[in-house]
């Protein structure tokens, strides 16, 4: 079964063992060929999905399965 964008991002964060910006996560996904983005503005799509699944951000279309938190430095990490 194909993983969703936020699941792939979670895998990247787990493997890195450190908080990362959306741009760093996107770069890692592309370098390793972990997900095929079909959108023209893929970094924006990734950031949107990260935010939807982030615990300490409120967005209109908040996902039920939150797996990230974001720090003051705009870096994402996994929820403990």
PDB file of N, CA and C in Angstrom:
ATOM      1  N   UNK A   1       0.842  -1.190   0.000  1.00  0.00           N
ATOM      2  CA  UNK A   1       0.000   0.000   0.000  1.00  0.00           C
ATOM      3  C   UNK A   1       0.884   1.249   0.000  1.00  0.00           C
ATOM      4  N   UNK A   2       0.539   2.185  -0.844  1.00  0.00           N
ATOM      5  CA  UNK A   2       1.303   3.424  -0.963  1.00  0.00           C
ATOM      6  C   UNK A   2       1.098   4.295   0.274  1.00  0.00           C
ATOM      7  N   UNK A   3       2.189   4.851   0.778  1.00  0.00           N
ATOM      8  CA  UNK A   3       2.106   5.727   1.944  1.00  0.00           C
ATOM      9  C   UNK A   3       1.672   7.125   1.525  1.00  0.00           C
ATOM     10  N   UNK A   4       1.009   7.808   2.448  1.00  0.00           N
ATOM     11  CA  UNK A   4       0.608   9.192   2.206  1.00  0.00           C
ATOM     12  C   UNK A   4       1.809  10.111   2.432  1.00  0.00           C
ATOM     13  N   UNK A   5       1.662  11.354   2.020  1.00  0.00           N
ATOM     14  CA  UNK A   5       2.747  12.325   2.162  1.00  0.00           C
ATOM     15  C   UNK A   5       3.168  12.462   3.618  1.00  0.00           C
ATOM     16  N   UNK A   6       2.193  12.591   4.523  1.00  0.00           N
ATOM     17  CA  UNK A   6       2.579  12.802   5.926  1.00  0.00           C
ATOM     18  C   UNK A   6       3.227  11.558   6.526  1.00  0.00           C
ATOM     19  N   UNK A   7       2.871  10.373   6.051  1.00  0.00           N
ATOM     20  CA  UNK A   7       3.511   9.150   6.541  1.00  0.00           C
ATOM     21  C   UNK A   7       4.969   9.077   6.084  1.00  0.00           C
ATOM     22  N   UNK A   8       5.220   9.464   4.849  1.00  0.00           N
ATOM     23  CA  UNK A   8       6.587   9.489   4.333  1.00  0.00           C
ATOM     24  C   UNK A   8       7.406  10.532   5.096  1.00  0.00           C
ATOM     25  N   UNK A   9       6.814  11.692   5.352  1.00  0.00           N
ATOM     26  CA  UNK A   9       7.503  12.736   6.119  1.00  0.00           C
ATOM     27  C   UNK A   9       7.841  12.235   7.522  1.00  0.00           C
ATOM     28  N   UNK A  10       6.936  11.500   8.144  1.00  0.00           N
ATOM     29  CA  UNK A  10       7.191  10.936   9.473  1.00  0.00           C
ATOM     30  C   UNK A  10       8.353   9.949   9.418  1.00  0.00           C
ATOM     31  N   UNK A  11       8.422   9.152   8.366  1.00  0.00           N
ATOM     32  CA  UNK A  11       9.538   8.216   8.195  1.00  0.00           C
ATOM     33  C   UNK A  11      10.865   8.964   8.087  1.00  0.00           C
ATOM     34  N   UNK A  12      10.865  10.067   7.351  1.00  0.00           N
ATOM     35  CA  UNK A  12      12.077  10.879   7.186  1.00  0.00           C
ATOM     36  C   UNK A  12      12.517  11.443   8.537  1.00  0.00           C
ATOM     37  N   UNK A  13      11.569  11.976   9.298  1.00  0.00           N
ATOM     38  CA  UNK A  13      11.906  12.529  10.611  1.00  0.00           C
ATOM     39  C   UNK A  13      12.426  11.448  11.554  1.00  0.00           C
ATOM     40  N   UNK A  14      11.806  10.298  11.521  1.00  0.00           N
ATOM     41  CA  UNK A  14      12.243   9.194  12.383  1.00  0.00           C
ATOM     42  C   UNK A  14      13.669   8.782  12.033  1.00  0.00           C
ATOM     43  N   UNK A  15      13.958   8.680  10.748  1.00  0.00           N
ATOM     44  CA  UNK A  15      15.292   8.282  10.293  1.00  0.00           C
ATOM     45  C   UNK A  15      16.348   9.329  10.629  1.00  0.00           C
ATOM     46  N   UNK A  16      15.963  10.610  10.567  1.00  0.00           N
ATOM     47  CA  UNK A  16      16.933  11.676  10.829  1.00  0.00           C
ATOM     48  C   UNK A  16      17.240  11.807  12.314  1.00  0.00           C
ATOM     49  N   UNK A  17      16.238  11.533  13.145  1.00  0.00           N
ATOM     50  CA  UNK A  17      16.437  11.633  14.587  1.00  0.00           C
ATOM     51  C   UNK A  17      16.532  13.051  15.106  1.00  0.00           C
ATOM     52  N   UNK A  18      16.166  14.018  14.265  1.00  0.00           N
ATOM     53  CA  UNK A  18      16.223  15.422  14.688  1.00  0.00           C
ATOM     54  C   UNK A  18      15.113  16.206  14.001  1.00  0.00           C
ATOM     55  N   UNK A  19      14.705  17.335  14.579  1.00  0.00           N
ATOM     56  CA  UNK A  19      13.691  18.184  13.940  1.00  0.00           C
ATOM     57  C   UNK A  19      14.202  18.712  12.599  1.00  0.00           C
ATOM     58  N   UNK A  20      13.275  18.896  11.669  1.00  0.00           N
ATOM     59  CA  UNK A  20      13.628  19.377  10.337  1.00  0.00           C
ATOM     60  C   UNK A  20      12.589  20.374   9.847  1.00  0.00           C
ATOM     61  N   UNK A  21      13.018  21.290   8.988  1.00  0.00           N
ATOM     62  CA  UNK A  21      12.080  22.207   8.348  1.00  0.00           C
ATOM     63  C   UNK A  21      11.346  21.457   7.235  1.00  0.00           C
ATOM     64  N   UNK A  22      10.271  22.046   6.767  1.00  0.00           N
ATOM     65  CA  UNK A  22       9.530  21.446   5.653  1.00  0.00           C
ATOM     66  C   UNK A  22      10.433  21.316   4.425  1.00  0.00           C
ATOM     67  N   UNK A  23      11.278  22.308   4.189  1.00  0.00           N
ATOM     68  CA  UNK A  23      12.187  22.272   3.038  1.00  0.00           C
ATOM     69  C   UNK A  23      13.189  21.124   3.165  1.00  0.00           C
ATOM     70  N   UNK A  24      13.704  20.902   4.364  1.00  0.00           N
ATOM     71  CA  UNK A  24      14.650  19.804   4.589  1.00  0.00           C
ATOM     72  C   UNK A  24      13.971  18.444   4.401  1.00  0.00           C
ATOM     73  N   UNK A  25      12.740  18.335   4.878  1.00  0.00           N
ATOM     74  CA  UNK A  25      11.984  17.087   4.710  1.00  0.00           C
ATOM     75  C   UNK A  25      11.739  16.837   3.225  1.00  0.00           C
ATOM     76  N   UNK A  26      11.338  17.880   2.504  1.00  0.00           N
ATOM     77  CA  UNK A  26      11.089  17.756   1.064  1.00  0.00           C
ATOM     78  C   UNK A  26      12.356  17.305   0.335  1.00  0.00           C
ATOM     79  N   UNK A  27      13.468  17.923   0.663  1.00  0.00           N
ATOM     80  CA  UNK A  27      14.743  17.579   0.030  1.00  0.00           C
ATOM     81  C   UNK A  27      15.096  16.106   0.283  1.00  0.00           C
ATOM     82  N   UNK A  28      14.912  15.648   1.515  1.00  0.00           N
ATOM     83  CA  UNK A  28      15.220  14.252   1.855  1.00  0.00           C
ATOM     84  C   UNK A  28      14.306  13.285   1.106  1.00  0.00           C
ATOM     85  N   UNK A  29      13.031  13.623   1.005  1.00  0.00           N
ATOM     86  CA  UNK A  29      12.080  12.772   0.277  1.00  0.00           C
ATOM     87  C   UNK A  29      12.498  12.647  -1.189  1.00  0.00           C
ATOM     88  N   UNK A  30      12.855  13.770  -1.804  1.00  0.00           N
ATOM     89  CA  UNK A  30      13.244  13.764  -3.217  1.00  0.00           C
ATOM     90  C   UNK A  30      14.567  13.034  -3.439  1.00  0.00           C
ATOM     91  N   UNK A  31      15.550  13.287  -2.569  1.00  0.00           N
ATOM     92  CA  UNK A  31      16.862  12.647  -2.706  1.00  0.00           C
ATOM     93  C   UNK A  31      16.754  11.127  -2.655  1.00  0.00           C
ATOM     94  N   UNK A  32      15.871  10.635  -1.800  1.00  0.00           N
ATOM     95  CA  UNK A  32      15.741   9.189  -1.603  1.00  0.00           C
ATOM     96  C   UNK A  32      14.635   8.574  -2.461  1.00  0.00           C
ATOM     97  N   UNK A  33      13.924   9.412  -3.217  1.00  0.00           N
ATOM     98  CA  UNK A  33      12.853   8.914  -4.081  1.00  0.00           C
ATOM     99  C   UNK A  33      11.734   8.227  -3.313  1.00  0.00           C
ATOM    100  N   UNK A  34      11.376   8.788  -2.157  1.00  0.00           N
ATOM    101  CA  UNK A  34      10.398   8.158  -1.274  1.00  0.00           C
ATOM    102  C   UNK A  34       8.948   8.419  -1.668  1.00  0.00           C
ATOM    103  N   UNK A  35       8.717   9.473  -2.438  1.00  0.00           N
ATOM    104  CA  UNK A  35       7.345   9.829  -2.808  1.00  0.00           C
ATOM    105  C   UNK A  35       7.384  10.556  -4.142  1.00  0.00           C
ATOM    106  N   UNK A  36       6.428  10.260  -4.997  1.00  0.00           N
ATOM    107  CA  UNK A  36       6.337  10.943  -6.287  1.00  0.00           C
ATOM    108  C   UNK A  36       5.268  12.023  -6.197  1.00  0.00           C
ATOM    109  N   UNK A  37       5.727  13.264  -6.136  1.00  0.00           N
ATOM    110  CA  UNK A  37       4.808  14.398  -6.083  1.00  0.00           C
ATOM    111  C   UNK A  37       4.299  14.682  -7.487  1.00  0.00           C
ATOM    112  N   UNK A  38       3.005  14.839  -7.617  1.00  0.00           N
ATOM    113  CA  UNK A  38       2.418  15.143  -8.920  1.00  0.00           C
ATOM    114  C   UNK A  38       2.044  16.624  -9.035  1.00  0.00           C
ATOM    115  N   UNK A  39       2.070  17.329  -7.926  1.00  0.00           N
ATOM    116  CA  UNK A  39       1.702  18.747  -7.898  1.00  0.00           C
ATOM    117  C   UNK A  39       2.822  19.608  -8.477  1.00  0.00           C
ATOM    118  N   UNK A  40       2.444  20.754  -9.048  1.00  0.00           N
ATOM    119  CA  UNK A  40       3.436  21.682  -9.579  1.00  0.00           C
ATOM    120  C   UNK A  40       4.249  22.316  -8.459  1.00  0.00           C
ATOM    121  N   UNK A  41       3.596  22.636  -7.349  1.00  0.00           N
ATOM    122  CA  UNK A  41       4.284  23.255  -6.221  1.00  0.00           C
ATOM    123  C   UNK A  41       4.362  22.254  -5.067  1.00  0.00           C
ATOM    124  N   UNK A  42       5.135  21.213  -5.275  1.00  0.00           N
ATOM    125  CA  UNK A  42       5.227  20.116  -4.310  1.00  0.00           C
ATOM    126  C   UNK A  42       5.663  20.558  -2.908  1.00  0.00           C
ATOM    127  N   UNK A  43       6.636  21.469  -2.759  1.00  0.00           N
ATOM    128  CA  UNK A  43       7.008  21.888  -1.404  1.00  0.00           C
ATOM    129  C   UNK A  43       5.835  22.501  -0.632  1.00  0.00           C
ATOM    130  N   UNK A  44       4.986  23.234  -1.330  1.00  0.00           N
ATOM    131  CA  UNK A  44       3.815  23.835  -0.693  1.00  0.00           C
ATOM    132  C   UNK A  44       2.813  22.766  -0.263  1.00  0.00           C
ATOM    133  N   UNK A  45       2.635  21.756  -1.091  1.00  0.00           N
ATOM    134  CA  UNK A  45       1.730  20.649  -0.764  1.00  0.00           C
ATOM    135  C   UNK A  45       2.243  19.907   0.464  1.00  0.00           C
ATOM    136  N   UNK A  46       3.541  19.641   0.494  1.00  0.00           N
ATOM    137  CA  UNK A  46       4.128  18.961   1.651  1.00  0.00           C
ATOM    138  C   UNK A  46       3.920  19.779   2.917  1.00  0.00           C
ATOM    139  N   UNK A  47       4.218  21.061   2.861  1.00  0.00           N
ATOM    140  CA  UNK A  47       4.069  21.921   4.044  1.00  0.00           C
ATOM    141  C   UNK A  47       2.614  21.933   4.524  1.00  0.00           C
ATOM    142  N   UNK A  48       1.687  21.989   3.602  1.00  0.00           N
ATOM    143  CA  UNK A  48       0.268  21.967   3.957  1.00  0.00           C
ATOM    144  C   UNK A  48      -0.095  20.669   4.673  1.00  0.00           C
ATOM    145  N   UNK A  49       0.392  19.550   4.163  1.00  0.00           N
ATOM    146  CA  UNK A  49       0.108  18.260   4.793  1.00  0.00           C
ATOM    147  C   UNK A  49       0.769  18.146   6.164  1.00  0.00           C
ATOM    148  N   UNK A  50       1.973  18.671   6.283  1.00  0.00           N
ATOM    149  CA  UNK A  50       2.639  18.676   7.590  1.00  0.00           C
ATOM    150  C   UNK A  50       1.796  19.451   8.602  1.00  0.00           C
ATOM    151  N   UNK A  51       1.342  20.626   8.204  1.00  0.00           N
ATOM    152  CA  UNK A  51       0.562  21.475   9.108  1.00  0.00           C
ATOM    153  C   UNK A  51      -0.773  20.827   9.482  1.00  0.00           C
ATOM    154  N   UNK A  52      -1.418  20.141   8.545  1.00  0.00           N
ATOM    155  CA  UNK A  52      -2.687  19.453   8.835  1.00  0.00           C
ATOM    156  C   UNK A  52      -2.514  18.394   9.916  1.00  0.00           C
ATOM    157  N   UNK A  53      -1.338  17.802   9.979  1.00  0.00           N
ATOM    158  CA  UNK A  53      -1.075  16.696  10.900  1.00  0.00           C
ATOM    159  C   UNK A  53      -0.196  17.131  12.077  1.00  0.00           C
ATOM    160  N   UNK A  54      -0.202  18.430  12.376  1.00  0.00           N
ATOM    161  CA  UNK A  54       0.610  18.967  13.463  1.00  0.00           C
ATOM    162  C   UNK A  54      -0.257  19.299  14.665  1.00  0.00           C
ATOM    163  N   UNK A  55       0.203  18.864  15.824  1.00  0.00           N
ATOM    164  CA  UNK A  55      -0.555  18.984  17.072  1.00  0.00           C
ATOM    165  C   UNK A  55      -0.768  20.436  17.500  1.00  0.00           C
ATOM    166  N   UNK A  56       0.266  21.241  17.453  1.00  0.00           N
ATOM    167  CA  UNK A  56       0.185  22.585  18.010  1.00  0.00           C
ATOM    168  C   UNK A  56      -0.082  23.672  16.965  1.00  0.00           C
ATOM    169  N   UNK A  57      -0.781  23.305  15.899  1.00  0.00           N
ATOM    170  CA  UNK A  57      -1.246  24.262  14.893  1.00  0.00           C
ATOM    171  C   UNK A  57      -2.726  23.973  14.650  1.00  0.00           C
ATOM    172  N   UNK A  58      -3.521  25.019  14.583  1.00  0.00           N
ATOM    173  CA  UNK A  58      -4.937  24.838  14.283  1.00  0.00           C
ATOM    174  C   UNK A  58      -5.193  25.310  12.857  1.00  0.00           C
ATOM    175  N   UNK A  59      -5.685  24.407  12.031  1.00  0.00           N
ATOM    176  CA  UNK A  59      -6.047  24.744  10.658  1.00  0.00           C
ATOM    177  C   UNK A  59      -7.476  24.285  10.415  1.00  0.00           C
ATOM    178  N   UNK A  60      -8.104  24.856   9.412  1.00  0.00           N
ATOM    179  CA  UNK A  60      -9.512  24.557   9.133  1.00  0.00           C
ATOM    180  C   UNK A  60      -9.744  23.082   8.833  1.00  0.00           C
ATOM    181  N   UNK A  61      -8.828  22.466   8.138  1.00  0.00           N
ATOM    182  CA  UNK A  61      -8.996  21.060   7.762  1.00  0.00           C
ATOM    183  C   UNK A  61      -8.049  20.152   8.556  1.00  0.00           C
ATOM    184  N   UNK A  62      -7.987  20.376   9.858  1.00  0.00           N
ATOM    185  CA  UNK A  62      -7.100  19.617  10.748  1.00  0.00           C
ATOM    186  C   UNK A  62      -7.378  18.116  10.641  1.00  0.00           C
ATOM    187  N   UNK A  63      -6.328  17.338  10.509  1.00  0.00           N
ATOM    188  CA  UNK A  63      -6.463  15.884  10.436  1.00  0.00           C
ATOM    189  C   UNK A  63      -6.665  15.307  11.834  1.00  0.00           C
ATOM    190  N   UNK A  64      -7.325  14.167  11.896  1.00  0.00           N
ATOM    191  CA  UNK A  64      -7.548  13.506  13.184  1.00  0.00           C
ATOM    192  C   UNK A  64      -6.275  12.850  13.696  1.00  0.00           C
ATOM    193  N   UNK A  65      -5.451  12.364  12.790  1.00  0.00           N
ATOM    194  CA  UNK A  65      -4.211  11.703  13.206  1.00  0.00           C
ATOM    195  C   UNK A  65      -3.033  12.679  13.153  1.00  0.00           C
ATOM    196  N   UNK A  66      -2.789  13.337  14.272  1.00  0.00           N
ATOM    197  CA  UNK A  66      -1.676  14.281  14.360  1.00  0.00           C
ATOM    198  C   UNK A  66      -0.415  13.511  14.747  1.00  0.00           C
ATOM    199  N   UNK A  67       0.638  13.730  14.000  1.00  0.00           N
ATOM    200  CA  UNK A  67       1.882  13.008  14.244  1.00  0.00           C
ATOM    201  C   UNK A  67       3.087  13.927  14.412  1.00  0.00           C
ATOM    202  N   UNK A  68       2.879  15.241  14.211  1.00  0.00           N
ATOM    203  CA  UNK A  68       3.985  16.189  14.295  1.00  0.00           C
ATOM    204  C   UNK A  68       3.712  17.272  15.333  1.00  0.00           C
ATOM    205  N   UNK A  69       4.785  17.890  15.780  1.00  0.00           N
ATOM    206  CA  UNK A  69       4.730  19.146  16.521  1.00  0.00           C
ATOM    207  C   UNK A  69       5.708  20.073  15.813  1.00  0.00           C
ATOM    208  N   UNK A  70       5.477  21.374  15.949  1.00  0.00           N
ATOM    209  CA  UNK A  70       6.375  22.339  15.316  1.00  0.00           C
ATOM    210  C   UNK A  70       6.952  23.240  16.395  1.00  0.00           C
ATOM    211  N   UNK A  71       8.243  23.494  16.293  1.00  0.00           N
ATOM    212  CA  UNK A  71       8.920  24.344  17.259  1.00  0.00           C
ATOM    213  C   UNK A  71       8.915  25.793  16.827  1.00  0.00           C
ATOM    214  N   UNK A  72       9.387  26.653  17.715  1.00  0.00           N
ATOM    215  CA  UNK A  72       9.466  28.086  17.419  1.00  0.00           C
ATOM    216  C   UNK A  72      10.395  28.373  16.239  1.00  0.00           C
ATOM    217  N   UNK A  73      11.302  27.452  15.964  1.00  0.00           N
ATOM    218  CA  UNK A  73      12.248  27.620  14.857  1.00  0.00           C
ATOM    219  C   UNK A  73      11.693  27.081  13.532  1.00  0.00           C
ATOM    220  N   UNK A  74      10.388  26.766  13.512  1.00  0.00           N
ATOM    221  CA  UNK A  74       9.694  26.282  12.308  1.00  0.00           C
ATOM    222  C   UNK A  74      10.182  24.906  11.861  1.00  0.00           C
ATOM    223  N   UNK A  75      10.690  24.126  12.820  1.00  0.00           N
ATOM    224  CA  UNK A  75      11.136  22.759  12.534  1.00  0.00           C
ATOM    225  C   UNK A  75      10.112  21.772  13.080  1.00  0.00           C
ATOM    226  N   UNK A  76       9.830  20.769  12.285  1.00  0.00           N
ATOM    227  CA  UNK A  76       8.871  19.739  12.668  1.00  0.00           C
ATOM    228  C   UNK A  76       9.592  18.583  13.346  1.00  0.00           C
ATOM    229  N   UNK A  77       8.918  17.975  14.301  1.00  0.00           N
ATOM    230  CA  UNK A  77       9.397  16.742  14.920  1.00  0.00           C
ATOM    231  C   UNK A  77       8.192  15.854  15.176  1.00  0.00           C
ATOM    232  N   UNK A  78       8.453  14.610  15.537  1.00  0.00           N
ATOM    233  CA  UNK A  78       7.374  13.659  15.783  1.00  0.00           C
ATOM    234  C   UNK A  78       6.794  13.859  17.173  1.00  0.00           C
ATOM    235  N   UNK A  79       5.495  13.642  17.305  1.00  0.00           N
ATOM    236  CA  UNK A  79       4.830  13.680  18.607  1.00  0.00           C
ATOM    237  C   UNK A  79       5.368  12.502  19.410  1.00  0.00           C
ATOM    238  N   UNK A  80       5.632  12.734  20.666  1.00  0.00           N
ATOM    239  CA  UNK A  80       6.130  11.641  21.536  1.00  0.00           C
ATOM    240  C   UNK A  80       5.075  10.609  21.794  1.00  0.00           C
TER     241      UNK A  80
END
